[in-house]
């Protein structure tokens, strides 16, 4: 290396991290020569699409350093990108760590790193320091970009490296990223959350909202499209509040209008939308767009206005239903999905019936249903009137039955139509078929070859199978 780290102390963070990647690359080359084989790495992702996108950045850094990515945890470097939204996610990680300890005893060159939301909890880090001393690196959600620097610190030291930031205003651009798909990609437009729903730990582990500069977002998407991407998913804990903290505020609707202008981009998706600030401006942009997919994930969480207030959701049942009505009038073929929590502290049968009423009135295409999970550090964890497990299970089963009934009634409504399908992969059950998605996110399987992957095909939806369609290629319809 011709430059020393002191030469770039006052440089930007991107340059600093590229320096450490080069340092680690030199180390990796020596290791490979010593071992007589390539170094391998495995990244195991738990949690949401934000985590999945973070993992793409981690993989990009590791590949630049010289690691070959594999799915087997018998690798030279294993990274768990963790989730902590629900308790069972934490327990799953602890269970896997026991297995990794055994693997590390068989491979003294192995490194283990833990990152993501779970690592932002002080109690978790203390437990790992005490009970899982074989872990090499611990970092959180705010400093994913520092992976190479932390690796170098571990290489230079004998002990565990821990680097947890409580919060940050920093956004580091232009670092490597390795996409899972060539034809579609996630793009972070913002980080963090300011909502503080009383059941949710995300604001405590992801930090406060900070929006990326719109020019950086546009530049990234243009580069992705030039590299073959036809569909992007805009990511944020609450995309509707994008741009409020920028020096020159920009609304999410205005950002979408600029993204729409990018030539070669065929589809735009986004999540997650908080109902409290989904604006009329955004609805109008969705109505007029030629590229925004007709699928909206709009978490309701609960149908009881009383509980919504305790949850700090900042809308009522009536306001939510009014919003849904506006959206459906503007975009009649919209496919709505949602999140619902069952068993929030203090939930009565009357509250639960209010939730069922919302489900019946909105008629969701599908819903992610969750049993309330107490998260230490959130206000709801201290609330009295925790609902008994048997009551929660009964309500959960009834809710699931209601959602499945409505979903079955909605499925098949496009049977016989020719629709555009973005082909994503060879069908896992039959190699003569391919699988893709409609703009409303519904899966379609039809006979086709691998050269269709990444392309948008006209497909006649021949038969509904409930949650997916069997189709036939209809190129002559173009």
Protein backbone atom coordinates (compact mmCIF):
# COMPACT_ATOMS: atom_id res chain seq x y z
CA UNK A 1 0.00 0.00 0.00
CA UNK A 2 1.38 3.40 -0.95
CA UNK A 3 -0.85 5.33 1.41
CA UNK A 4 -1.04 5.26 5.17
CA UNK A 5 -4.31 5.55 7.11
CA UNK A 6 -3.09 8.88 8.49
CA UNK A 7 -3.08 10.20 4.92
CA UNK A 8 -6.84 9.74 4.69
CA UNK A 9 -7.94 10.60 8.26
CA UNK A 10 -9.49 13.79 6.97
CA UNK A 11 -10.86 12.17 3.81
CA UNK A 12 -14.41 10.95 3.40
CA UNK A 13 -15.60 7.72 4.99
CA UNK A 14 -15.95 5.93 1.65
CA UNK A 15 -12.25 6.39 0.88
CA UNK A 16 -11.35 5.29 4.40
CA UNK A 17 -13.29 2.04 4.06
CA UNK A 18 -11.87 1.29 0.61
CA UNK A 19 -8.42 1.63 2.19
CA UNK A 20 -9.26 -1.00 4.81
CA UNK A 21 -10.71 -3.28 2.14
CA UNK A 22 -7.35 -3.17 0.37
CA UNK A 23 -5.56 -3.92 3.66
CA UNK A 24 -7.82 -6.93 4.26
CA UNK A 25 -7.41 -8.02 0.65
CA UNK A 26 -3.63 -8.26 1.14
CA UNK A 27 -4.18 -10.27 4.33
CA UNK A 28 -6.68 -12.57 2.59
CA UNK A 29 -4.26 -13.25 -0.27
CA UNK A 30 -1.58 -14.34 2.22
CA UNK A 31 -4.11 -16.55 4.05
CA UNK A 32 -5.14 -18.21 0.80
CA UNK A 33 -1.53 -18.87 -0.10
CA UNK A 34 -0.90 -20.30 3.37
CA UNK A 35 -3.96 -22.56 3.27
CA UNK A 36 -3.59 -23.49 -0.39
CA UNK A 37 -7.25 -22.78 -1.16
CA UNK A 38 -9.70 -19.86 -1.53
CA UNK A 39 -11.13 -18.24 1.61
CA UNK A 40 -14.87 -18.79 1.96
CA UNK A 41 -17.58 -16.73 3.66
CA UNK A 42 -21.22 -17.32 4.58
CA UNK A 43 -23.69 -14.52 5.39
CA UNK A 44 -26.85 -15.69 7.14
CA UNK A 45 -29.61 -13.06 7.15
CA UNK A 46 -32.44 -12.94 9.68
CA UNK A 47 -35.32 -10.48 9.44
CA UNK A 48 -36.68 -7.91 7.04
CA UNK A 49 -35.83 -6.62 3.57
CA UNK A 50 -33.72 -3.87 5.13
CA UNK A 51 -31.53 -6.60 6.63
CA UNK A 52 -31.42 -8.46 3.33
CA UNK A 53 -30.24 -5.28 1.61
CA UNK A 54 -27.61 -4.71 4.32
CA UNK A 55 -26.38 -8.26 3.68
CA UNK A 56 -25.88 -7.44 0.01
CA UNK A 57 -23.52 -4.67 1.13
CA UNK A 58 -21.70 -7.06 3.49
CA UNK A 59 -21.30 -9.60 0.68
CA UNK A 60 -20.03 -6.87 -1.65
CA UNK A 61 -17.32 -5.92 0.86
CA UNK A 62 -16.32 -9.54 1.48
CA UNK A 63 -16.04 -10.29 -2.23
CA UNK A 64 -13.89 -7.20 -2.76
CA UNK A 65 -11.59 -8.46 0.00
CA UNK A 66 -11.31 -11.79 -1.80
CA UNK A 67 -13.76 -14.17 -0.13
CA UNK A 68 -15.76 -16.71 -2.13
CA UNK A 69 -19.36 -16.75 -0.93
CA UNK A 70 -20.92 -20.10 0.01
CA UNK A 71 -24.15 -21.09 1.78
CA UNK A 72 -22.49 -23.62 4.06
CA UNK A 73 -21.60 -22.33 7.53
CA UNK A 74 -18.44 -24.47 7.42
CA UNK A 75 -16.79 -21.34 6.05
CA UNK A 76 -13.72 -19.33 7.01
CA UNK A 77 -15.89 -16.33 7.90
CA UNK A 78 -19.51 -16.59 9.07
CA UNK A 79 -21.62 -13.46 9.61
CA UNK A 80 -25.07 -13.44 11.18
CA UNK A 81 -27.04 -10.32 10.25
CA UNK A 82 -29.60 -10.46 13.04
CA UNK A 83 -33.17 -9.35 13.68
CA UNK A 84 -34.72 -8.56 17.06
CA UNK A 85 -38.32 -7.64 16.24
CA UNK A 86 -39.50 -10.81 17.97
CA UNK A 87 -38.00 -12.84 20.79
CA UNK A 88 -37.80 -16.08 18.81
CA UNK A 89 -35.42 -14.35 16.36
CA UNK A 90 -32.97 -13.83 19.25
CA UNK A 91 -33.36 -17.40 20.47
CA UNK A 92 -32.67 -18.72 16.98
CA UNK A 93 -29.34 -16.85 16.86
CA UNK A 94 -28.26 -18.13 20.28
CA UNK A 95 -29.09 -21.67 19.15
CA UNK A 96 -27.01 -21.32 15.99
CA UNK A 97 -24.04 -19.92 17.91
CA UNK A 98 -23.65 -23.22 19.75
CA UNK A 99 -23.25 -24.93 16.38
CA UNK A 100 -20.72 -22.34 15.21
CA UNK A 101 -18.59 -22.91 18.32
CA UNK A 102 -18.19 -26.54 17.28
CA UNK A 103 -17.27 -25.54 13.72
CA UNK A 104 -14.71 -23.03 14.97
CA UNK A 105 -13.00 -25.66 17.09
CA UNK A 106 -12.51 -27.67 13.87
CA UNK A 107 -11.25 -24.66 11.87
CA UNK A 108 -8.88 -22.38 13.85
CA UNK A 109 -8.78 -19.90 10.94
CA UNK A 110 -12.54 -19.30 11.20
CA UNK A 111 -13.91 -15.84 12.07
CA UNK A 112 -17.42 -15.20 13.37
CA UNK A 113 -19.18 -11.82 13.25
CA UNK A 114 -22.57 -10.76 14.54
CA UNK A 115 -24.28 -7.60 13.33
CA UNK A 116 -27.73 -6.12 12.82
CA UNK A 117 -30.61 -5.13 15.08
CA UNK A 118 -30.08 -7.69 17.84
CA UNK A 119 -26.57 -6.32 18.47
CA UNK A 120 -28.00 -2.88 19.29
CA UNK A 121 -29.37 -4.30 22.56
CA UNK A 122 -26.93 -3.84 25.45
CA UNK A 123 -28.14 -6.98 27.24
CA UNK A 124 -27.49 -9.08 24.12
CA UNK A 125 -23.92 -7.82 23.73
CA UNK A 126 -23.22 -8.47 27.42
CA UNK A 127 -24.56 -12.02 27.08
CA UNK A 128 -22.37 -12.70 24.03
CA UNK A 129 -19.28 -11.29 25.78
CA UNK A 130 -19.93 -13.60 28.74
CA UNK A 131 -21.24 -16.80 27.13
CA UNK A 132 -19.98 -16.73 23.52
CA UNK A 133 -16.38 -15.56 23.83
CA UNK A 134 -15.42 -17.27 20.56
CA UNK A 135 -17.25 -14.57 18.55
CA UNK A 136 -14.69 -12.31 16.85
CA UNK A 137 -16.60 -9.17 15.81
CA UNK A 138 -19.81 -7.53 17.01
CA UNK A 139 -21.25 -4.48 15.26
CA UNK A 140 -24.71 -3.00 14.84
CA UNK A 141 -27.04 -1.48 12.27
CA UNK A 142 -25.37 1.92 11.92
CA UNK A 143 -21.87 0.88 10.88
CA UNK A 144 -22.29 -1.98 8.39
CA UNK A 145 -19.97 0.00 6.11
CA UNK A 146 -17.12 -0.43 8.65
CA UNK A 147 -16.85 -4.20 8.22
CA UNK A 148 -13.37 -4.15 6.62
CA UNK A 149 -12.05 -1.75 9.27
CA UNK A 150 -13.39 -4.00 12.04
CA UNK A 151 -11.89 -7.05 10.35
CA UNK A 152 -8.51 -5.34 10.25
CA UNK A 153 -8.85 -4.48 13.94
CA UNK A 154 -9.56 -8.16 14.68
CA UNK A 155 -6.60 -9.30 12.57
CA UNK A 156 -4.33 -6.91 14.51
CA UNK A 157 -5.63 -7.91 17.95
CA UNK A 158 -6.19 -11.04 20.01
CA UNK A 159 -9.64 -10.35 21.41
CA UNK A 160 -13.24 -9.72 20.48
CA UNK A 161 -13.92 -6.47 18.57
CA UNK A 162 -17.11 -4.66 19.59
CA UNK A 163 -18.24 -1.52 17.78
CA UNK A 164 -21.83 -0.51 18.54
CA UNK A 165 -23.13 2.97 17.74
CA UNK A 166 -26.18 4.23 19.61
CA UNK A 167 -27.17 6.40 16.66
CA UNK A 168 -25.68 8.16 13.64
CA UNK A 169 -26.41 10.88 11.15
CA UNK A 170 -23.88 9.41 8.71
CA UNK A 171 -24.81 7.87 5.37
CA UNK A 172 -21.91 6.34 3.45
CA UNK A 173 -22.35 6.13 -0.33
CA UNK A 174 -20.58 4.22 -3.12
CA UNK A 175 -19.41 1.12 -1.26
CA UNK A 176 -19.49 -2.34 -2.91
CA UNK A 177 -22.74 -4.32 -2.94
CA UNK A 178 -23.51 -7.74 -4.40
CA UNK A 179 -27.10 -8.11 -5.56
CA UNK A 180 -28.97 -11.38 -5.27
CA UNK A 181 -30.70 -10.73 -8.62
CA UNK A 182 -29.41 -9.02 -11.76
CA UNK A 183 -32.85 -7.76 -12.76
CA UNK A 184 -34.23 -6.37 -9.50
CA UNK A 185 -32.72 -4.57 -6.53
CA UNK A 186 -33.53 -2.94 -3.22
CA UNK A 187 -32.55 0.70 -2.74
CA UNK A 188 -32.48 2.34 0.68
CA UNK A 189 -33.97 5.81 0.52
CA UNK A 190 -33.80 6.38 4.28
CA UNK A 191 -32.69 4.78 7.52
CA UNK A 192 -34.15 4.69 11.03
CA UNK A 193 -37.59 5.44 12.43
CA UNK A 194 -39.15 8.26 14.48
CA UNK A 195 -42.52 6.66 15.18
CA UNK A 196 -41.95 4.84 18.50
CA UNK A 197 -44.91 2.49 18.34
CA UNK A 198 -45.09 1.20 21.90
CA UNK A 199 -44.61 -2.48 20.94
CA UNK A 200 -41.70 -1.92 18.53
CA UNK A 201 -37.98 -1.98 19.22
CA UNK A 202 -36.94 -0.77 15.73
CA UNK A 203 -36.40 2.95 16.59
CA UNK A 204 -34.10 1.87 19.43
CA UNK A 205 -31.97 -0.39 17.22
CA UNK A 206 -32.17 1.41 13.86
CA UNK A 207 -31.91 4.97 15.22
CA UNK A 208 -33.68 8.16 14.15
CA UNK A 209 -34.84 8.86 10.63
CA UNK A 210 -32.26 10.11 8.17
CA UNK A 211 -32.99 10.44 4.47
CA UNK A 212 -30.55 9.99 1.63
CA UNK A 213 -29.97 12.85 -0.79
CA UNK A 214 -32.39 12.39 -3.73
CA UNK A 215 -29.54 12.90 -6.23
CA UNK A 216 -27.64 9.97 -4.67
CA UNK A 217 -30.77 7.78 -4.88
CA UNK A 218 -31.37 8.69 -8.54
CA UNK A 219 -27.70 8.12 -9.37
CA UNK A 220 -27.79 4.67 -7.73
CA UNK A 221 -30.96 3.64 -9.56
CA UNK A 222 -29.62 4.88 -12.90
CA UNK A 223 -26.47 2.77 -12.37
CA UNK A 224 -28.60 -0.26 -11.45
CA UNK A 225 -30.75 0.14 -14.57
CA UNK A 226 -27.61 0.44 -16.71
CA UNK A 227 -26.55 -2.89 -15.17
CA UNK A 228 -29.78 -4.64 -16.16
CA UNK A 229 -32.20 -3.89 -13.32
CA UNK A 230 -35.82 -3.44 -14.41
CA UNK A 231 -37.52 -3.40 -10.98
CA UNK A 232 -36.51 -1.57 -7.81
CA UNK A 233 -37.85 -1.77 -4.28
CA UNK A 234 -37.47 1.50 -2.36
CA UNK A 235 -36.77 0.68 1.28
CA UNK A 236 -37.34 2.54 4.53
CA UNK A 237 -38.96 1.89 7.90
CA UNK A 238 -41.53 4.52 6.85
CA UNK A 239 -41.03 5.70 3.28
CA UNK A 240 -43.90 8.20 3.60
CA UNK A 241 -41.80 10.39 5.89
CA UNK A 242 -38.89 10.47 3.43
CA UNK A 243 -37.17 13.82 2.94
CA UNK A 244 -38.44 15.69 5.98
CA UNK A 245 -34.98 16.01 7.54
CA UNK A 246 -33.13 17.01 4.37
CA UNK A 247 -31.59 20.47 4.10
CA UNK A 248 -33.96 21.08 1.19
CA UNK A 249 -37.03 18.94 2.04
CA UNK A 250 -38.41 16.64 -0.65
CA UNK A 251 -41.57 14.57 -0.30
CA UNK A 252 -41.71 10.86 -1.06
CA UNK A 253 -44.22 11.61 -3.82
CA UNK A 254 -41.78 14.06 -5.44
CA UNK A 255 -38.97 11.48 -5.22
CA UNK A 256 -41.19 8.89 -6.94
CA UNK A 257 -41.93 11.32 -9.76
CA UNK A 258 -38.20 11.77 -10.40
CA UNK A 259 -37.55 8.01 -10.27
CA UNK A 260 -40.40 7.49 -12.76
CA UNK A 261 -38.41 9.48 -15.35
CA UNK A 262 -35.49 7.01 -15.38
CA UNK A 263 -35.44 5.35 -18.80
CA UNK A 264 -35.23 1.57 -18.78
CA UNK A 265 -36.78 1.21 -15.32
CA UNK A 266 -39.99 -0.78 -15.67
CA UNK A 267 -41.32 -1.28 -12.14
CA UNK A 268 -41.19 0.62 -8.84
CA UNK A 269 -42.14 -0.93 -5.51
CA UNK A 270 -41.79 0.51 -2.02
CA UNK A 271 -42.21 -0.45 1.61
CA UNK A 272 -43.11 0.20 4.29
CA UNK A 273 -45.87 2.83 4.27
CA UNK A 274 -47.18 4.15 7.59
CA UNK A 275 -50.89 5.04 7.34
CA UNK A 276 -50.53 8.17 9.48
CA UNK A 277 -48.70 10.12 6.78
CA UNK A 278 -49.67 8.55 3.47
CA UNK A 279 -50.54 11.78 1.66
CA UNK A 280 -53.10 12.67 -0.98
CA UNK A 281 -50.10 13.75 -3.07
CA UNK A 282 -48.70 10.20 -2.92
CA UNK A 283 -52.06 8.68 -3.83
CA UNK A 284 -52.24 10.99 -6.88
CA UNK A 285 -48.73 9.96 -7.96
CA UNK A 286 -49.66 6.27 -7.60
CA UNK A 287 -52.81 6.88 -9.66
CA UNK A 288 -50.95 8.60 -12.51
CA UNK A 289 -47.82 6.44 -12.54
CA UNK A 290 -46.99 4.06 -15.38
CA UNK A 291 -44.32 2.27 -13.30
CA UNK A 292 -45.45 2.06 -9.66
CA UNK A 293 -46.72 -1.47 -9.01
CA UNK A 294 -50.35 -1.84 -7.99
CA UNK A 295 -49.46 -3.37 -4.65
CA UNK A 296 -49.39 -1.44 -1.38
CA UNK A 297 -48.36 -2.84 1.98
CA UNK A 298 -50.25 -0.75 4.54
CA UNK A 299 -49.81 -2.09 8.10
CA UNK A 300 -52.93 -1.60 10.23
CA UNK A 301 -51.62 -3.62 13.25
CA UNK A 302 -55.03 -3.49 14.97
CA UNK A 303 -58.61 -2.45 14.23
CA UNK A 304 -59.41 -0.98 17.65
CA UNK A 305 -59.02 2.81 17.87
CA UNK A 306 -58.56 2.43 21.62
CA UNK A 307 -55.60 0.07 21.19
CA UNK A 308 -54.20 2.02 18.23
CA UNK A 309 -53.87 5.01 20.55
CA UNK A 310 -52.05 2.91 23.18
CA UNK A 311 -49.84 1.54 20.40
CA UNK A 312 -48.98 5.15 19.43
CA UNK A 313 -49.99 4.51 15.82
CA UNK A 314 -51.48 8.02 15.50
CA UNK A 315 -54.54 7.14 13.44
CA UNK A 316 -57.97 5.71 14.26
CA UNK A 317 -59.82 2.81 12.72
CA UNK A 318 -62.06 5.29 10.92
CA UNK A 319 -59.10 7.26 9.53
CA UNK A 320 -57.47 4.06 8.28
CA UNK A 321 -60.65 2.92 6.51
CA UNK A 322 -61.10 6.39 4.99
CA UNK A 323 -57.52 6.22 3.67
CA UNK A 324 -58.12 2.77 2.16
CA UNK A 325 -61.26 4.11 0.47
CA UNK A 326 -59.27 6.98 -1.08
CA UNK A 327 -56.58 4.61 -2.34
CA UNK A 328 -59.08 2.17 -3.86
CA UNK A 329 -60.96 4.99 -5.63
CA UNK A 330 -57.70 6.34 -7.10
CA UNK A 331 -56.21 2.92 -7.98
CA UNK A 332 -59.19 0.53 -8.39
CA UNK A 333 -57.04 -2.57 -9.09
CA UNK A 334 -54.73 -2.02 -6.08
CA UNK A 335 -53.69 -5.10 -4.13
CA UNK A 336 -53.52 -4.31 -0.41
CA UNK A 337 -51.57 -6.31 2.16
CA UNK A 338 -51.02 -5.58 5.84
CA UNK A 339 -49.50 -6.49 9.22
CA UNK A 340 -51.71 -7.40 12.19
CA UNK A 341 -50.72 -8.03 15.80
CA UNK A 342 -52.88 -10.31 17.94
CA UNK A 343 -52.72 -10.22 21.74
CA UNK A 344 -51.40 -6.71 22.37
CA UNK A 345 -51.60 -5.97 26.14
CA UNK A 346 -55.15 -5.16 27.16
CA UNK A 347 -56.75 -6.49 23.96
CA UNK A 348 -60.35 -7.48 24.67
CA UNK A 349 -62.70 -9.59 22.56
CA UNK A 350 -64.39 -6.34 21.53
CA UNK A 351 -61.03 -4.94 20.35
CA UNK A 352 -60.38 -8.13 18.41
CA UNK A 353 -63.80 -7.92 16.73
CA UNK A 354 -62.84 -4.41 15.56
CA UNK A 355 -59.77 -5.93 13.89
CA UNK A 356 -61.91 -8.56 12.16
CA UNK A 357 -64.23 -5.77 11.00
CA UNK A 358 -61.30 -3.94 9.34
CA UNK A 359 -60.19 -7.15 7.64
CA UNK A 360 -63.70 -7.70 6.25
CA UNK A 361 -64.06 -4.11 5.05
CA UNK A 362 -60.62 -3.72 3.47
CA UNK A 363 -60.44 -7.26 2.04
CA UNK A 364 -56.68 -7.70 2.04
CA UNK A 365 -55.01 -9.83 -0.60
CA UNK A 366 -52.92 -11.29 2.22
CA UNK A 367 -51.74 -10.34 5.69
CA UNK A 368 -48.74 -10.97 7.90
CA UNK A 369 -50.25 -11.96 11.23
CA UNK A 370 -48.17 -11.91 14.40
CA UNK A 371 -48.70 -12.91 17.98
CA UNK A 372 -47.59 -10.02 20.20
CA UNK A 373 -43.97 -10.47 21.26
CA UNK A 374 -42.84 -8.66 24.40
CA UNK A 375 -39.63 -6.75 23.64
CA UNK A 376 -37.65 -5.54 26.65
CA UNK A 377 -37.03 -1.81 26.39
CA UNK A 378 -40.36 -0.96 24.77
CA UNK A 379 -43.24 0.69 26.68
CA UNK A 380 -45.62 -2.19 25.91
CA UNK A 381 -43.35 -4.67 27.73
CA UNK A 382 -44.19 -2.95 31.02
CA UNK A 383 -47.94 -2.78 30.42
CA UNK A 384 -50.28 -4.76 32.62
CA UNK A 385 -53.12 -6.89 31.27
CA UNK A 386 -50.89 -9.17 29.18
CA UNK A 387 -53.32 -11.42 27.29
CA UNK A 388 -53.30 -15.16 28.20
CA UNK A 389 -51.65 -17.43 25.62
CA UNK A 390 -54.73 -19.62 25.07
CA UNK A 391 -56.86 -16.54 24.32
CA UNK A 392 -54.25 -15.20 21.90
CA UNK A 393 -54.02 -18.53 20.07
CA UNK A 394 -57.80 -18.74 19.67
CA UNK A 395 -57.96 -15.18 18.26
CA UNK A 396 -54.96 -15.78 16.01
CA UNK A 397 -56.62 -18.87 14.50
CA UNK A 398 -59.89 -17.01 13.93
CA UNK A 399 -58.08 -14.09 12.29
CA UNK A 400 -56.09 -16.40 10.03
CA UNK A 401 -59.27 -18.20 8.93
CA UNK A 402 -60.94 -14.87 8.08
CA UNK A 403 -57.94 -13.65 6.04
CA UNK A 404 -57.64 -16.95 4.17
CA UNK A 405 -61.36 -16.94 3.33
CA UNK A 406 -61.18 -13.43 1.86
CA UNK A 407 -57.93 -14.17 0.04
CA UNK A 408 -59.50 -17.25 -1.56
CA UNK A 409 -62.48 -15.13 -2.69
CA UNK A 410 -60.15 -12.55 -4.26
CA UNK A 411 -57.88 -15.06 -5.96
CA UNK A 412 -58.61 -15.86 -9.55
CA UNK A 413 -60.30 -12.58 -10.41
CA UNK A 414 -57.80 -12.05 -13.25
CA UNK A 415 -58.17 -15.56 -14.69
CA UNK A 416 -58.20 -15.43 -18.49
CA UNK A 417 -56.48 -12.04 -18.73
CA UNK A 418 -53.11 -11.45 -20.34
CA UNK A 419 -50.85 -9.70 -17.82
CA UNK A 420 -47.20 -8.70 -17.63
CA UNK A 421 -45.02 -11.00 -15.52
CA UNK A 422 -41.44 -10.28 -14.44
CA UNK A 423 -39.77 -13.69 -14.71
CA UNK A 424 -37.57 -14.34 -11.67
CA UNK A 425 -36.35 -17.94 -11.74
CA UNK A 426 -36.67 -21.48 -13.02
CA UNK A 427 -39.56 -23.11 -11.20
CA UNK A 428 -38.32 -25.08 -8.20
CA UNK A 429 -40.76 -27.96 -8.83
CA UNK A 430 -40.48 -28.32 -12.62
CA UNK A 431 -37.43 -27.17 -14.64
CA UNK A 432 -39.60 -26.80 -17.77
CA UNK A 433 -41.47 -23.95 -16.05
CA UNK A 434 -40.44 -20.48 -14.91
CA UNK A 435 -41.81 -18.40 -12.03
CA UNK A 436 -42.47 -14.67 -11.98
CA UNK A 437 -44.58 -11.98 -10.40
CA UNK A 438 -47.45 -9.81 -11.51
CA UNK A 439 -47.31 -6.13 -10.66
CA UNK A 440 -49.61 -6.90 -7.68
CA UNK A 441 -46.91 -9.31 -6.38
CA UNK A 442 -48.89 -12.51 -7.07
CA UNK A 443 -46.80 -15.45 -8.33
CA UNK A 444 -47.30 -16.96 -11.79
CA UNK A 445 -45.84 -20.26 -13.04
CA UNK A 446 -45.73 -20.96 -16.77
CA UNK A 447 -43.81 -23.03 -19.31
CA UNK A 448 -40.63 -21.26 -20.38
CA UNK A 449 -36.84 -21.32 -20.48
CA UNK A 450 -34.07 -19.64 -18.51
CA UNK A 451 -33.52 -16.97 -21.17
CA UNK A 452 -36.77 -15.36 -19.94
CA UNK A 453 -35.31 -14.66 -16.47
CA UNK A 454 -35.15 -10.93 -15.84
CA UNK A 455 -37.54 -10.15 -18.68
CA UNK A 456 -41.15 -9.01 -18.57
CA UNK A 457 -43.35 -11.44 -20.48
CA UNK A 458 -46.99 -11.29 -21.53
CA UNK A 459 -48.69 -14.24 -19.90
CA UNK A 460 -52.27 -15.46 -20.10
CA UNK A 461 -53.44 -16.37 -16.59
CA UNK A 462 -55.01 -19.72 -17.40
CA UNK A 463 -55.88 -21.09 -13.97
CA UNK A 464 -55.93 -19.79 -10.40
CA UNK A 465 -54.50 -22.05 -7.72
CA UNK A 466 -55.42 -19.82 -4.81
CA UNK A 467 -52.18 -18.02 -3.99
CA UNK A 468 -50.71 -18.27 -7.49
CA UNK A 469 -51.64 -18.67 -11.16
CA UNK A 470 -50.70 -21.22 -13.77
CA UNK A 471 -50.14 -19.32 -17.01
CA UNK A 472 -49.31 -19.61 -20.69
CA UNK A 473 -46.85 -17.46 -22.61
CA UNK A 474 -48.82 -15.09 -24.85
CA UNK A 475 -46.12 -13.26 -26.81
CA UNK A 476 -48.46 -12.86 -29.78
CA UNK A 477 -50.56 -10.54 -27.60
CA UNK A 478 -47.78 -7.88 -27.47
